[in-house]
All heavy atoms as atom14 arrays in JSON, in Angstrom:
{
  "sequence": "QHVCMTATTAAELQEWRDRWQRLFASGKFSFARPDPPTEIVVDD",
  "atom14_mask": [
    [1, 1, 1, 1, 1, 1, 1, 1, 1, 0, 0, 0, 0, 0],
    [1, 1, 1, 1, 1, 1, 1, 1, 1, 1, 0, 0, 0, 0],
    [1, 1, 1, 1, 1, 1, 1, 0, 0, 0, 0, 0, 0, 0],
    [1, 1, 1, 1, 1, 1, 0, 0, 0, 0, 0, 0, 0, 0],
    [1, 1, 1, 1, 1, 1, 1, 1, 0, 0, 0, 0, 0, 0],
    [1, 1, 1, 1, 1, 1, 1, 0, 0, 0, 0, 0, 0, 0],
    [1, 1, 1, 1, 1, 0, 0, 0, 0, 0, 0, 0, 0, 0],
    [1, 1, 1, 1, 1, 1, 1, 0, 0, 0, 0, 0, 0, 0],
    [1, 1, 1, 1, 1, 1, 1, 0, 0, 0, 0, 0, 0, 0],
    [1, 1, 1, 1, 1, 0, 0, 0, 0, 0, 0, 0, 0, 0],
    [1, 1, 1, 1, 1, 0, 0, 0, 0, 0, 0, 0, 0, 0],
    [1, 1, 1, 1, 1, 1, 1, 1, 1, 0, 0, 0, 0, 0],
    [1, 1, 1, 1, 1, 1, 1, 1, 0, 0, 0, 0, 0, 0],
    [1, 1, 1, 1, 1, 1, 1, 1, 1, 0, 0, 0, 0, 0],
    [1, 1, 1, 1, 1, 1, 1, 1, 1, 0, 0, 0, 0, 0],
    [1, 1, 1, 1, 1, 1, 1, 1, 1, 1, 1, 1, 1, 1],
    [1, 1, 1, 1, 1, 1, 1, 1, 1, 1, 1, 0, 0, 0],
    [1, 1, 1, 1, 1, 1, 1, 1, 0, 0, 0, 0, 0, 0],
    [1, 1, 1, 1, 1, 1, 1, 1, 1, 1, 1, 0, 0, 0],
    [1, 1, 1, 1, 1, 1, 1, 1, 1, 1, 1, 1, 1, 1],
    [1, 1, 1, 1, 1, 1, 1, 1, 1, 0, 0, 0, 0, 0],
    [1, 1, 1, 1, 1, 1, 1, 1, 1, 1, 1, 0, 0, 0],
    [1, 1, 1, 1, 1, 1, 1, 1, 0, 0, 0, 0, 0, 0],
    [1, 1, 1, 1, 1, 1, 1, 1, 1, 1, 1, 0, 0, 0],
    [1, 1, 1, 1, 1, 0, 0, 0, 0, 0, 0, 0, 0, 0],
    [1, 1, 1, 1, 1, 1, 0, 0, 0, 0, 0, 0, 0, 0],
    [1, 1, 1, 1, 0, 0, 0, 0, 0, 0, 0, 0, 0, 0],
    [1, 1, 1, 1, 1, 1, 1, 1, 1, 0, 0, 0, 0, 0],
    [1, 1, 1, 1, 1, 1, 1, 1, 1, 1, 1, 0, 0, 0],
    [1, 1, 1, 1, 1, 1, 0, 0, 0, 0, 0, 0, 0, 0],
    [1, 1, 1, 1, 1, 1, 1, 1, 1, 1, 1, 0, 0, 0],
    [1, 1, 1, 1, 1, 0, 0, 0, 0, 0, 0, 0, 0, 0],
    [1, 1, 1, 1, 1, 1, 1, 1, 1, 1, 1, 0, 0, 0],
    [1, 1, 1, 1, 1, 1, 1, 0, 0, 0, 0, 0, 0, 0],
    [1, 1, 1, 1, 1, 1, 1, 1, 0, 0, 0, 0, 0, 0],
    [1, 1, 1, 1, 1, 1, 1, 0, 0, 0, 0, 0, 0, 0],
    [1, 1, 1, 1, 1, 1, 1, 0, 0, 0, 0, 0, 0, 0],
    [1, 1, 1, 1, 1, 1, 1, 0, 0, 0, 0, 0, 0, 0],
    [1, 1, 1, 1, 1, 1, 1, 1, 1, 0, 0, 0, 0, 0],
    [1, 1, 1, 1, 1, 1, 1, 1, 0, 0, 0, 0, 0, 0],
    [1, 1, 1, 1, 1, 1, 1, 0, 0, 0, 0, 0, 0, 0],
    [1, 1, 1, 1, 1, 1, 1, 0, 0, 0, 0, 0, 0, 0],
    [1, 1, 1, 1, 1, 1, 1, 1, 0, 0, 0, 0, 0, 0],
    [1, 1, 1, 1, 1, 1, 1, 1, 0, 0, 0, 0, 0, 0]
  ],
  "atom14_positions": [
    [[-111.05, -64.78, -23.41], [-110.57, -63.48, -23.87], [-109.13, -63.38, -23.4], [-108.25, -63.12, -24.23], [-111.4, -62.34, -23.27], [-111.35, -61.11, -24.07], [-110.01, -60.4, -24.05], [-109.44, -60.18, -23.04], [-109.5, -60.05, -25.29], [0.0, 0.0, 0.0], [0.0, 0.0, 0.0], [0.0, 0.0, 0.0], [0.0, 0.0, 0.0], [0.0, 0.0, 0.0]],
    [[-108.78, -63.6, -22.13], [-107.4, -63.62, -21.74], [-107.31, -64.0, -20.23], [-108.32, -63.97, -19.55], [-106.66, -62.25, -21.93], [-107.06, -61.12, -20.96], [-108.12, -60.28, -21.24], [-106.61, -60.79, -19.78], [-108.26, -59.47, -20.25], [-107.32, -59.67, -19.34], [0.0, 0.0, 0.0], [0.0, 0.0, 0.0], [0.0, 0.0, 0.0], [0.0, 0.0, 0.0]],
    [[-106.17, -64.42, -19.84], [-105.88, -64.75, -18.45], [-104.83, -63.69, -18.06], [-103.9, -63.43, -18.79], [-105.27, -66.15, -18.25], [-104.8, -66.37, -16.86], [-106.35, -67.16, -18.6], [0.0, 0.0, 0.0], [0.0, 0.0, 0.0], [0.0, 0.0, 0.0], [0.0, 0.0, 0.0], [0.0, 0.0, 0.0], [0.0, 0.0, 0.0], [0.0, 0.0, 0.0]],
    [[-104.97, -63.09, -16.83], [-104.01, -62.07, -16.32], [-103.18, -62.72, -15.29], [-103.63, -63.18, -14.34], [-104.84, -60.89, -15.83], [-103.79, -59.58, -15.35], [0.0, 0.0, 0.0], [0.0, 0.0, 0.0], [0.0, 0.0, 0.0], [0.0, 0.0, 0.0], [0.0, 0.0, 0.0], [0.0, 0.0, 0.0], [0.0, 0.0, 0.0], [0.0, 0.0, 0.0]],
    [[-101.83, -62.52, -15.46], [-100.84, -63.0, -14.53], [-100.27, -61.72, -13.89], [-100.06, -60.72, -14.6], [-99.71, -63.76, -15.17], [-100.2, -64.9, -16.11], [-101.02, -66.23, -15.28], [-99.63, -67.14, -14.59], [0.0, 0.0, 0.0], [0.0, 0.0, 0.0], [0.0, 0.0, 0.0], [0.0, 0.0, 0.0], [0.0, 0.0, 0.0], [0.0, 0.0, 0.0]],
    [[-99.93, -61.84, -12.55], [-99.41, -60.62, -11.9], [-97.94, -60.64, -11.82], [-97.33, -61.77, -11.69], [-99.95, -60.48, -10.45], [-99.62, -61.66, -9.65], [-101.48, -60.28, -10.51], [0.0, 0.0, 0.0], [0.0, 0.0, 0.0], [0.0, 0.0, 0.0], [0.0, 0.0, 0.0], [0.0, 0.0, 0.0], [0.0, 0.0, 0.0], [0.0, 0.0, 0.0]],
    [[-97.27, -59.52, -11.86], [-95.87, -59.35, -11.63], [-95.72, -58.59, -10.28], [-96.54, -57.67, -10.06], [-95.22, -58.63, -12.75], [0.0, 0.0, 0.0], [0.0, 0.0, 0.0], [0.0, 0.0, 0.0], [0.0, 0.0, 0.0], [0.0, 0.0, 0.0], [0.0, 0.0, 0.0], [0.0, 0.0, 0.0], [0.0, 0.0, 0.0], [0.0, 0.0, 0.0]],
    [[-94.71, -58.87, -9.47], [-94.62, -58.2, -8.18], [-94.04, -56.79, -8.29], [-94.27, -55.99, -7.4], [-93.76, -59.03, -7.21], [-92.53, -59.2, -7.76], [-94.42, -60.37, -6.9], [0.0, 0.0, 0.0], [0.0, 0.0, 0.0], [0.0, 0.0, 0.0], [0.0, 0.0, 0.0], [0.0, 0.0, 0.0], [0.0, 0.0, 0.0], [0.0, 0.0, 0.0]],
    [[-93.38, -56.53, -9.37], [-92.77, -55.16, -9.55], [-92.83, -54.75, -11.01], [-93.03, -55.6, -11.86], [-91.22, -55.15, -9.14], [-90.56, -56.01, -10.04], [-91.06, -55.55, -7.72], [0.0, 0.0, 0.0], [0.0, 0.0, 0.0], [0.0, 0.0, 0.0], [0.0, 0.0, 0.0], [0.0, 0.0, 0.0], [0.0, 0.0, 0.0], [0.0, 0.0, 0.0]],
    [[-92.62, -53.48, -11.25], [-92.61, -53.02, -12.72], [-91.45, -53.63, -13.48], [-91.56, -54.02, -14.63], [-92.6, -51.51, -12.76], [0.0, 0.0, 0.0], [0.0, 0.0, 0.0], [0.0, 0.0, 0.0], [0.0, 0.0, 0.0], [0.0, 0.0, 0.0], [0.0, 0.0, 0.0], [0.0, 0.0, 0.0], [0.0, 0.0, 0.0], [0.0, 0.0, 0.0]],
    [[-90.33, -53.84, -12.74], [-89.13, -54.44, -13.34], [-89.42, -55.92, -13.69], [-89.01, -56.31, -14.78], [-87.96, -54.34, -12.37], [0.0, 0.0, 0.0], [0.0, 0.0, 0.0], [0.0, 0.0, 0.0], [0.0, 0.0, 0.0], [0.0, 0.0, 0.0], [0.0, 0.0, 0.0], [0.0, 0.0, 0.0], [0.0, 0.0, 0.0], [0.0, 0.0, 0.0]],
    [[-90.13, -56.59, -12.81], [-90.45, -58.01, -13.11], [-91.39, -58.06, -14.33], [-91.25, -58.97, -15.21], [-91.09, -58.66, -11.96], [-91.42, -60.16, -12.17], [-92.07, -60.81, -10.93], [-93.29, -60.68, -10.81], [-91.33, -61.38, -10.11], [0.0, 0.0, 0.0], [0.0, 0.0, 0.0], [0.0, 0.0, 0.0], [0.0, 0.0, 0.0], [0.0, 0.0, 0.0]],
    [[-92.26, -57.14, -14.45], [-93.17, -57.1, -15.61], [-92.36, -56.95, -16.9], [-92.61, -57.68, -17.88], [-94.12, -55.91, -15.49], [-95.18, -55.76, -16.59], [-96.21, -56.88, -16.56], [-95.9, -54.4, -16.48], [0.0, 0.0, 0.0], [0.0, 0.0, 0.0], [0.0, 0.0, 0.0], [0.0, 0.0, 0.0], [0.0, 0.0, 0.0], [0.0, 0.0, 0.0]],
    [[-91.39, -56.08, -16.96], [-90.48, -55.89, -18.05], [-89.64, -57.25, -18.31], [-89.5, -57.62, -19.45], [-89.54, -54.74, -17.82], [-88.59, -54.52, -18.99], [-89.35, -54.09, -20.24], [-90.13, -53.1, -20.15], [-89.11, -54.74, -21.35], [0.0, 0.0, 0.0], [0.0, 0.0, 0.0], [0.0, 0.0, 0.0], [0.0, 0.0, 0.0], [0.0, 0.0, 0.0]],
    [[-89.29, -57.89, -17.27], [-88.59, -59.19, -17.43], [-89.45, -60.22, -18.16], [-88.98, -61.03, -18.94], [-88.1, -59.76, -16.09], [-86.96, -58.95, -15.5], [-86.59, -59.48, -14.07], [-86.63, -60.67, -13.85], [-86.24, -58.61, -13.31], [0.0, 0.0, 0.0], [0.0, 0.0, 0.0], [0.0, 0.0, 0.0], [0.0, 0.0, 0.0], [0.0, 0.0, 0.0]],
    [[-90.76, -60.32, -17.79], [-91.67, -61.23, -18.42], [-91.72, -60.98, -19.94], [-91.71, -61.82, -20.75], [-93.05, -61.19, -17.83], [-93.17, -61.91, -16.58], [-93.47, -61.41, -15.31], [-93.13, -63.35, -16.36], [-93.51, -62.4, -14.44], [-93.3, -63.62, -15.01], [-92.86, -64.46, -17.27], [-93.31, -64.93, -14.47], [-92.81, -65.74, -16.71], [-93.05, -65.87, -15.33]],
    [[-91.87, -59.69, -20.31], [-91.96, -59.33, -21.66], [-90.64, -59.62, -22.4], [-90.61, -60.19, -23.52], [-92.22, -57.78, -21.82], [-92.5, -57.37, -23.23], [-92.98, -55.84, -23.24], [-93.29, -55.48, -24.64], [-92.42, -55.22, -25.57], [-91.1, -55.27, -25.26], [-92.82, -54.81, -26.75], [0.0, 0.0, 0.0], [0.0, 0.0, 0.0], [0.0, 0.0, 0.0]],
    [[-89.53, -59.31, -21.78], [-88.18, -59.6, -22.36], [-88.02, -61.12, -22.56], [-87.52, -61.55, -23.6], [-87.02, -59.08, -21.5], [-87.02, -57.58, -21.43], [-87.67, -56.9, -22.28], [-86.29, -57.07, -20.59], [0.0, 0.0, 0.0], [0.0, 0.0, 0.0], [0.0, 0.0, 0.0], [0.0, 0.0, 0.0], [0.0, 0.0, 0.0], [0.0, 0.0, 0.0]],
    [[-88.47, -61.88, -21.53], [-88.33, -63.35, -21.68], [-89.13, -63.87, -22.91], [-88.62, -64.75, -23.66], [-88.83, -64.05, -20.41], [-88.72, -65.57, -20.53], [-89.18, -66.21, -19.3], [-88.26, -66.02, -18.19], [-88.43, -66.47, -17.01], [-89.48, -67.23, -16.69], [-87.58, -66.25, -16.04], [0.0, 0.0, 0.0], [0.0, 0.0, 0.0], [0.0, 0.0, 0.0]],
    [[-90.38, -63.4, -23.1], [-91.13, -63.8, -24.24], [-90.37, -63.51, -25.55], [-90.24, -64.38, -26.42], [-92.5, -63.1, -24.29], [-93.41, -63.69, -25.32], [-94.38, -64.59, -25.1], [-93.43, -63.39, -26.71], [-95.03, -64.9, -26.33], [-94.4, -64.24, -27.31], [-92.68, -62.63, -27.57], [-94.73, -64.21, -28.69], [-92.87, -62.57, -28.94], [-93.94, -63.38, -29.51]],
    [[-89.78, -62.36, -25.63], [-89.11, -61.98, -26.82], [-87.82, -62.8, -27.09], [-87.56, -63.23, -28.2], [-88.7, -60.5, -26.8], [-89.94, -59.58, -26.91], [-89.67, -58.12, -26.82], [-88.96, -57.69, -25.91], [-90.17, -57.38, -27.75], [0.0, 0.0, 0.0], [0.0, 0.0, 0.0], [0.0, 0.0, 0.0], [0.0, 0.0, 0.0], [0.0, 0.0, 0.0]],
    [[-87.09, -63.14, -25.99], [-85.96, -64.04, -26.13], [-86.34, -65.44, -26.6], [-85.73, -66.0, -27.47], [-85.22, -64.18, -24.8], [-84.31, -63.01, -24.48], [-83.31, -63.31, -23.3], [-84.02, -63.77, -22.15], [-84.57, -62.99, -21.27], [-84.51, -61.66, -21.38], [-85.15, -63.51, -20.14], [0.0, 0.0, 0.0], [0.0, 0.0, 0.0], [0.0, 0.0, 0.0]],
    [[-87.38, -65.99, -26.02], [-87.84, -67.35, -26.43], [-88.33, -67.36, -27.85], [-88.11, -68.27, -28.61], [-88.89, -67.92, -25.5], [-88.4, -68.21, -24.06], [-89.51, -68.73, -23.27], [-87.21, -69.24, -24.16], [0.0, 0.0, 0.0], [0.0, 0.0, 0.0], [0.0, 0.0, 0.0], [0.0, 0.0, 0.0], [0.0, 0.0, 0.0], [0.0, 0.0, 0.0]],
    [[-89.04, -66.32, -28.32], [-89.5, -66.26, -29.67], [-88.32, -66.15, -30.64], [-88.21, -66.88, -31.62], [-90.39, -65.03, -29.86], [-90.94, -64.96, -31.23], [-92.02, -65.7, -31.66], [-90.34, -64.07, -32.21], [-92.57, -65.63, -32.96], [-90.8, -64.01, -33.47], [-91.96, -64.79, -33.86], [0.0, 0.0, 0.0], [0.0, 0.0, 0.0], [0.0, 0.0, 0.0]],
    [[-87.37, -65.32, -30.26], [-86.13, -65.15, -31.12], [-85.32, -66.4, -31.18], [-84.62, -66.57, -32.15], [-85.29, -63.89, -30.63], [0.0, 0.0, 0.0], [0.0, 0.0, 0.0], [0.0, 0.0, 0.0], [0.0, 0.0, 0.0], [0.0, 0.0, 0.0], [0.0, 0.0, 0.0], [0.0, 0.0, 0.0], [0.0, 0.0, 0.0], [0.0, 0.0, 0.0]],
    [[-85.39, -67.22, -30.17], [-84.53, -68.47, -30.14], [-84.9, -69.39, -31.32], [-84.08, -70.24, -31.66], [-84.69, -69.23, -28.83], [-85.93, -69.85, -28.71], [0.0, 0.0, 0.0], [0.0, 0.0, 0.0], [0.0, 0.0, 0.0], [0.0, 0.0, 0.0], [0.0, 0.0, 0.0], [0.0, 0.0, 0.0], [0.0, 0.0, 0.0], [0.0, 0.0, 0.0]],
    [[-86.09, -69.34, -31.85], [-86.54, -70.25, -32.8], [-86.83, -71.62, -32.36], [-87.08, -72.49, -33.18], [0.0, 0.0, 0.0], [0.0, 0.0, 0.0], [0.0, 0.0, 0.0], [0.0, 0.0, 0.0], [0.0, 0.0, 0.0], [0.0, 0.0, 0.0], [0.0, 0.0, 0.0], [0.0, 0.0, 0.0], [0.0, 0.0, 0.0], [0.0, 0.0, 0.0]],
    [[-86.8, -71.85, -31.1], [-87.0, -73.26, -30.56], [-88.52, -73.64, -30.57], [-88.79, -74.82, -30.36], [-86.5, -73.37, -29.15], [-85.05, -73.2, -29.05], [-84.45, -73.57, -27.72], [-85.14, -72.98, -26.49], [-84.48, -73.23, -25.18], [0.0, 0.0, 0.0], [0.0, 0.0, 0.0], [0.0, 0.0, 0.0], [0.0, 0.0, 0.0], [0.0, 0.0, 0.0]],
    [[-89.43, -72.68, -30.73], [-90.87, -72.94, -30.56], [-91.63, -72.5, -31.78], [-91.18, -71.5, -32.44], [-91.39, -72.21, -29.33], [-90.6, -72.54, -28.05], [-89.67, -71.6, -27.62], [-90.84, -73.67, -27.36], [-88.91, -71.92, -26.49], [-90.1, -74.02, -26.25], [-89.16, -73.07, -25.78], [0.0, 0.0, 0.0], [0.0, 0.0, 0.0], [0.0, 0.0, 0.0]],
    [[-92.7, -73.11, -32.1], [-93.56, -72.67, -33.15], [-94.79, -72.04, -32.53], [-95.26, -72.47, -31.5], [-93.97, -73.79, -34.11], [-94.82, -74.74, -33.49], [0.0, 0.0, 0.0], [0.0, 0.0, 0.0], [0.0, 0.0, 0.0], [0.0, 0.0, 0.0], [0.0, 0.0, 0.0], [0.0, 0.0, 0.0], [0.0, 0.0, 0.0], [0.0, 0.0, 0.0]],
    [[-95.21, -70.89, -33.1], [-96.31, -70.09, -32.55], [-97.48, -70.05, -33.5], [-97.25, -69.76, -34.63], [-95.78, -68.73, -32.29], [-94.94, -68.5, -31.04], [-93.56, -68.91, -31.13], [-95.44, -68.11, -29.86], [-92.8, -68.76, -29.98], [-94.63, -68.0, -28.73], [-93.34, -68.31, -28.77], [0.0, 0.0, 0.0], [0.0, 0.0, 0.0], [0.0, 0.0, 0.0]],
    [[-98.66, -70.38, -33.04], [-99.85, -70.2, -33.85], [-100.12, -68.8, -34.27], [-100.56, -68.53, -35.38], [-101.11, -70.75, -33.1], [0.0, 0.0, 0.0], [0.0, 0.0, 0.0], [0.0, 0.0, 0.0], [0.0, 0.0, 0.0], [0.0, 0.0, 0.0], [0.0, 0.0, 0.0], [0.0, 0.0, 0.0], [0.0, 0.0, 0.0], [0.0, 0.0, 0.0]],
    [[-99.74, -67.83, -33.4], [-99.85, -66.44, -33.62], [-98.53, -65.79, -33.25], [-98.24, -65.56, -32.08], [-100.96, -65.8, -32.8], [-102.35, -66.23, -33.22], [-103.44, -65.44, -32.46], [-103.43, -64.1, -32.88], [-104.39, -63.26, -32.7], [-105.52, -63.68, -32.16], [-104.34, -61.99, -33.13], [0.0, 0.0, 0.0], [0.0, 0.0, 0.0], [0.0, 0.0, 0.0]],
    [[-97.7, -65.56, -34.27], [-96.36, -65.0, -33.97], [-96.28, -63.53, -33.71], [-95.35, -62.86, -33.96], [-95.54, -65.43, -35.16], [-96.47, -65.41, -36.29], [-97.83, -65.94, -35.63], [0.0, 0.0, 0.0], [0.0, 0.0, 0.0], [0.0, 0.0, 0.0], [0.0, 0.0, 0.0], [0.0, 0.0, 0.0], [0.0, 0.0, 0.0], [0.0, 0.0, 0.0]],
    [[-97.37, -62.97, -33.16], [-97.46, -61.55, -32.86], [-96.59, -61.27, -31.65], [-96.6, -61.97, -30.62], [-98.91, -61.14, -32.56], [-99.87, -61.43, -33.65], [-99.41, -61.68, -34.79], [-101.09, -61.44, -33.4], [0.0, 0.0, 0.0], [0.0, 0.0, 0.0], [0.0, 0.0, 0.0], [0.0, 0.0, 0.0], [0.0, 0.0, 0.0], [0.0, 0.0, 0.0]],
    [[-95.81, -60.15, -31.72], [-94.99, -59.78, -30.55], [-95.85, -59.3, -29.4], [-97.02, -58.87, -29.61], [-94.06, -58.65, -31.14], [-94.91, -58.05, -32.23], [-95.74, -59.21, -32.86], [0.0, 0.0, 0.0], [0.0, 0.0, 0.0], [0.0, 0.0, 0.0], [0.0, 0.0, 0.0], [0.0, 0.0, 0.0], [0.0, 0.0, 0.0], [0.0, 0.0, 0.0]],
    [[-95.29, -59.25, -28.21], [-96.03, -58.66, -27.13], [-96.36, -57.21, -27.37], [-95.54, -56.56, -28.13], [-95.1, -58.8, -25.91], [-94.04, -59.75, -26.32], [-93.98, -59.69, -27.82], [0.0, 0.0, 0.0], [0.0, 0.0, 0.0], [0.0, 0.0, 0.0], [0.0, 0.0, 0.0], [0.0, 0.0, 0.0], [0.0, 0.0, 0.0], [0.0, 0.0, 0.0]],
    [[-97.44, -56.67, -26.78], [-97.66, -55.22, -26.89], [-96.61, -54.52, -26.09], [-95.89, -55.13, -25.28], [-99.07, -54.9, -26.35], [-99.07, -55.15, -24.92], [-100.18, -55.71, -27.03], [0.0, 0.0, 0.0], [0.0, 0.0, 0.0], [0.0, 0.0, 0.0], [0.0, 0.0, 0.0], [0.0, 0.0, 0.0], [0.0, 0.0, 0.0], [0.0, 0.0, 0.0]],
    [[-96.58, -53.23, -26.26], [-95.72, -52.44, -25.37], [-96.3, -52.44, -24.0], [-97.54, -52.68, -23.83], [-95.66, -51.02, -25.9], [-94.98, -50.82, -27.27], [-93.51, -51.24, -27.26], [-92.79, -51.01, -26.21], [-93.08, -51.9, -28.19], [0.0, 0.0, 0.0], [0.0, 0.0, 0.0], [0.0, 0.0, 0.0], [0.0, 0.0, 0.0], [0.0, 0.0, 0.0]],
    [[-95.51, -52.12, -22.98], [-96.01, -51.99, -21.64], [-96.68, -50.64, -21.57], [-96.05, -49.64, -21.96], [-94.93, -52.16, -20.67], [-94.4, -53.58, -20.64], [-95.44, -51.8, -19.23], [-93.21, -53.87, -19.71], [0.0, 0.0, 0.0], [0.0, 0.0, 0.0], [0.0, 0.0, 0.0], [0.0, 0.0, 0.0], [0.0, 0.0, 0.0], [0.0, 0.0, 0.0]],
    [[-97.9, -50.61, -21.08], [-98.62, -49.35, -20.91], [-98.85, -49.2, -19.45], [-99.04, -50.11, -18.62], [-99.93, -49.26, -21.79], [-99.71, -49.36, -23.22], [-100.94, -50.3, -21.26], [0.0, 0.0, 0.0], [0.0, 0.0, 0.0], [0.0, 0.0, 0.0], [0.0, 0.0, 0.0], [0.0, 0.0, 0.0], [0.0, 0.0, 0.0], [0.0, 0.0, 0.0]],
    [[-98.91, -47.86, -19.05], [-99.18, -47.5, -17.66], [-100.42, -46.66, -17.57], [-100.45, -45.66, -18.27], [-97.97, -46.75, -17.02], [-98.26, -46.47, -15.56], [-96.67, -47.53, -17.18], [0.0, 0.0, 0.0], [0.0, 0.0, 0.0], [0.0, 0.0, 0.0], [0.0, 0.0, 0.0], [0.0, 0.0, 0.0], [0.0, 0.0, 0.0], [0.0, 0.0, 0.0]],
    [[-101.38, -47.13, -16.84], [-102.69, -46.44, -16.69], [-102.44, -45.2, -15.84], [-101.45, -45.07, -15.14], [-103.76, -47.29, -16.08], [-104.17, -48.5, -16.97], [-103.86, -48.41, -18.2], [-104.74, -49.44, -16.45], [0.0, 0.0, 0.0], [0.0, 0.0, 0.0], [0.0, 0.0, 0.0], [0.0, 0.0, 0.0], [0.0, 0.0, 0.0], [0.0, 0.0, 0.0]],
    [[-103.48, -44.3, -15.76], [-103.43, -43.12, -14.98], [-103.21, -43.45, -13.44], [-102.59, -42.64, -12.76], [-104.67, -42.27, -15.13], [-104.82, -41.61, -16.48], [-103.8, -41.57, -17.17], [-105.93, -41.3, -16.82], [0.0, 0.0, 0.0], [0.0, 0.0, 0.0], [0.0, 0.0, 0.0], [0.0, 0.0, 0.0], [0.0, 0.0, 0.0], [0.0, 0.0, 0.0]]
  ]
}
């Protein structure tokens, strides 16, 4: 279903998402599912 990786801060979490988007936009990699990351959500 999925594997969950932890980020030490909320800022680091945003950096992981930004990094995915930069690498996707670079065109250097082919993706079986080119779906973008979801938005970051914050639970109650």
